Amino acid sequence: MANMISDETMEYVGILAKLELSDEEREQAKKDMEQMLDYIDMLNTLNTDGVEPMSHIFPIHNVFREDVVENDDEHEKILANAPAAKDGAFKVPKTVE
């Protein structure tokens, strides 16, 4: 185990995470974090030359359509359906006193 986490670091992490850990839980979390850091160190030693970086495991292509306006300005037709209109907008009863 090359990575050692100090008790001060664990206390700081507990404060940041807003955790109240018992001494046993703090020791277990410390061991777990050390194991995670060791695993990351092991991954950093792997040869990744020629490996293309990816953002997702599956090939994803943009499936969104182009944002094109397909209808005309139907403002007047929409307001024709309103029970009441004023200044080009729907007129509704006052709801706040």
C-alpha atoms as a PDB file:
ATOM      1  CA  MET A   1       0.000   0.000   0.000  1.00  0.00           C
ATOM      2  CA  ALA A   2       1.782   3.113  -1.216  1.00  0.00           C
ATOM      3  CA  ASN A   3      -0.928   5.649  -0.454  1.00  0.00           C
ATOM      4  CA  MET A   4      -1.353   6.575   3.187  1.00  0.00           C
ATOM      5  CA  ILE A   5      -4.106   8.950   4.231  1.00  0.00           C
ATOM      6  CA  SER A   6      -3.583  10.936   7.413  1.00  0.00           C
ATOM      7  CA  ASP A   7      -6.158  11.282  10.153  1.00  0.00           C
ATOM      8  CA  GLU A   8      -6.282  15.039   9.453  1.00  0.00           C
ATOM      9  CA  THR A   9      -7.184  14.350   5.831  1.00  0.00           C
ATOM     10  CA  MET A  10      -9.940  11.962   6.900  1.00  0.00           C
ATOM     11  CA  GLU A  11     -11.318  14.559   9.312  1.00  0.00           C
ATOM     12  CA  TYR A  12     -11.243  17.188   6.545  1.00  0.00           C
ATOM     13  CA  VAL A  13     -13.039  14.844   4.134  1.00  0.00           C
ATOM     14  CA  GLY A  14     -15.620  14.133   6.839  1.00  0.00           C
ATOM     15  CA  ILE A  15     -16.219  17.858   7.284  1.00  0.00           C
ATOM     16  CA  LEU A  16     -16.557  18.406   3.535  1.00  0.00           C
ATOM     17  CA  ALA A  17     -18.949  15.469   3.186  1.00  0.00           C
ATOM     18  CA  LYS A  18     -20.812  16.494   6.368  1.00  0.00           C
ATOM     19  CA  LEU A  19     -20.331  13.009   7.813  1.00  0.00           C
ATOM     20  CA  GLU A  20     -20.185  12.049  11.446  1.00  0.00           C
ATOM     21  CA  LEU A  21     -18.214   8.807  11.531  1.00  0.00           C
ATOM     22  CA  SER A  22     -17.351   6.660  14.493  1.00  0.00           C
ATOM     23  CA  ASP A  23     -13.703   5.696  14.972  1.00  0.00           C
ATOM     24  CA  GLU A  24     -14.343   2.283  13.400  1.00  0.00           C
ATOM     25  CA  GLU A  25     -16.157   3.804  10.419  1.00  0.00           C
ATOM     26  CA  ARG A  26     -13.389   6.392   9.973  1.00  0.00           C
ATOM     27  CA  GLU A  27     -10.715   3.663   9.924  1.00  0.00           C
ATOM     28  CA  GLN A  28     -12.700   1.590   7.429  1.00  0.00           C
ATOM     29  CA  ALA A  29     -13.255   4.632   5.191  1.00  0.00           C
ATOM     30  CA  LYS A  30      -9.540   5.419   5.432  1.00  0.00           C
ATOM     31  CA  LYS A  31      -8.640   1.882   4.296  1.00  0.00           C
ATOM     32  CA  ASP A  32     -11.181   2.052   1.465  1.00  0.00           C
ATOM     33  CA  MET A  33      -9.826   5.393   0.242  1.00  0.00           C
ATOM     34  CA  GLU A  34      -6.257   4.093   0.368  1.00  0.00           C
ATOM     35  CA  GLN A  35      -7.303   1.057  -1.696  1.00  0.00           C
ATOM     36  CA  MET A  36      -9.010   3.330  -4.239  1.00  0.00           C
ATOM     37  CA  LEU A  37      -5.908   5.481  -4.566  1.00  0.00           C
ATOM     38  CA  ASP A  38      -3.739   2.372  -4.972  1.00  0.00           C
ATOM     39  CA  TYR A  39      -6.047   1.119  -7.717  1.00  0.00           C
ATOM     40  CA  ILE A  40      -5.858   4.482  -9.492  1.00  0.00           C
ATOM     41  CA  ASP A  41      -2.060   4.333  -9.276  1.00  0.00           C
ATOM     42  CA  MET A  42      -2.170   0.859 -10.818  1.00  0.00           C
ATOM     43  CA  LEU A  43      -4.387   2.144 -13.659  1.00  0.00           C
ATOM     44  CA  ASN A  44      -1.951   5.004 -14.262  1.00  0.00           C
ATOM     45  CA  THR A  45       0.821   2.495 -14.957  1.00  0.00           C
ATOM     46  CA  LEU A  46      -1.074   0.900 -17.870  1.00  0.00           C
ATOM     47  CA  ASN A  47       0.135   1.615 -21.403  1.00  0.00           C
ATOM     48  CA  THR A  48      -2.586   3.576 -23.151  1.00  0.00           C
ATOM     49  CA  ASP A  49      -0.618   4.587 -26.233  1.00  0.00           C
ATOM     50  CA  GLY A  50      -2.825   4.441 -29.297  1.00  0.00           C
ATOM     51  CA  VAL A  51      -6.025   4.206 -27.247  1.00  0.00           C
ATOM     52  CA  GLU A  52      -8.536   6.761 -28.417  1.00  0.00           C
ATOM     53  CA  PRO A  53     -10.158   8.737 -25.544  1.00  0.00           C
ATOM     54  CA  MET A  54     -13.896   8.257 -25.313  1.00  0.00           C
ATOM     55  CA  SER A  55     -16.733   9.938 -23.522  1.00  0.00           C
ATOM     56  CA  HIS A  56     -19.056   6.930 -23.657  1.00  0.00           C
ATOM     57  CA  ILE A  57     -18.685   3.178 -23.951  1.00  0.00           C
ATOM     58  CA  PHE A  58     -20.969   2.997 -27.007  1.00  0.00           C
ATOM     59  CA  PRO A  59     -20.506   4.997 -30.201  1.00  0.00           C
ATOM     60  CA  ILE A  60     -22.957   7.864 -30.002  1.00  0.00           C
ATOM     61  CA  HIS A  61     -23.878  10.163 -32.826  1.00  0.00           C
ATOM     62  CA  ASN A  62     -25.924  13.323 -32.682  1.00  0.00           C
ATOM     63  CA  VAL A  63     -29.467  12.189 -33.416  1.00  0.00           C
ATOM     64  CA  PHE A  64     -31.082  15.587 -33.014  1.00  0.00           C
ATOM     65  CA  ARG A  65     -32.684  17.138 -36.009  1.00  0.00           C
ATOM     66  CA  GLU A  66     -31.822  20.592 -37.201  1.00  0.00           C
ATOM     67  CA  ASP A  67     -33.877  23.209 -35.377  1.00  0.00           C
ATOM     68  CA  VAL A  68     -35.886  24.712 -38.205  1.00  0.00           C
ATOM     69  CA  VAL A  69     -39.105  26.713 -37.847  1.00  0.00           C
ATOM     70  CA  GLU A  70     -41.747  24.863 -39.831  1.00  0.00           C
ATOM     71  CA  ASN A  71     -44.838  26.945 -39.189  1.00  0.00           C
ATOM     72  CA  ASP A  72     -45.678  30.552 -39.818  1.00  0.00           C
ATOM     73  CA  ASP A  73     -46.587  33.150 -37.244  1.00  0.00           C
ATOM     74  CA  GLU A  74     -50.023  31.952 -36.163  1.00  0.00           C
ATOM     75  CA  HIS A  75     -50.365  34.490 -33.388  1.00  0.00           C
ATOM     76  CA  GLU A  76     -53.737  35.773 -34.572  1.00  0.00           C
ATOM     77  CA  LYS A  77     -55.171  32.257 -35.030  1.00  0.00           C
ATOM     78  CA  ILE A  78     -54.096  31.296 -31.516  1.00  0.00           C
ATOM     79  CA  LEU A  79     -55.579  34.440 -29.969  1.00  0.00           C
ATOM     80  CA  ALA A  80     -58.825  33.782 -31.841  1.00  0.00           C
ATOM     81  CA  ASN A  81     -59.334  30.738 -29.591  1.00  0.00           C
ATOM     82  CA  ALA A  82     -58.898  32.752 -26.397  1.00  0.00           C
ATOM     83  CA  PRO A  83     -62.011  33.731 -24.443  1.00  0.00           C
ATOM     84  CA  ALA A  84     -60.465  37.188 -24.003  1.00  0.00           C
ATOM     85  CA  ALA A  85     -57.413  38.937 -25.408  1.00  0.00           C
ATOM     86  CA  LYS A  86     -55.753  42.263 -24.711  1.00  0.00           C
ATOM     87  CA  ASP A  87     -52.738  43.880 -26.406  1.00  0.00           C
ATOM     88  CA  GLY A  88     -51.912  40.705 -28.334  1.00  0.00           C
ATOM     89  CA  ALA A  89     -51.922  38.414 -25.270  1.00  0.00           C
ATOM     90  CA  PHE A  90     -54.361  36.208 -23.394  1.00  0.00           C
ATOM     91  CA  LYS A  91     -56.439  38.137 -20.871  1.00  0.00           C
ATOM     92  CA  VAL A  92     -56.969  36.207 -17.631  1.00  0.00           C
ATOM     93  CA  PRO A  93     -58.597  37.066 -14.321  1.00  0.00           C
ATOM     94  CA  LYS A  94     -56.409  38.696 -11.689  1.00  0.00           C
ATOM     95  CA  THR A  95     -55.060  36.033  -9.344  1.00  0.00           C
ATOM     96  CA  VAL A  96     -53.027  38.086  -6.853  1.00  0.00           C
ATOM     97  CA  GLU A  97     -54.404  40.907  -4.740  1.00  0.00           C
END
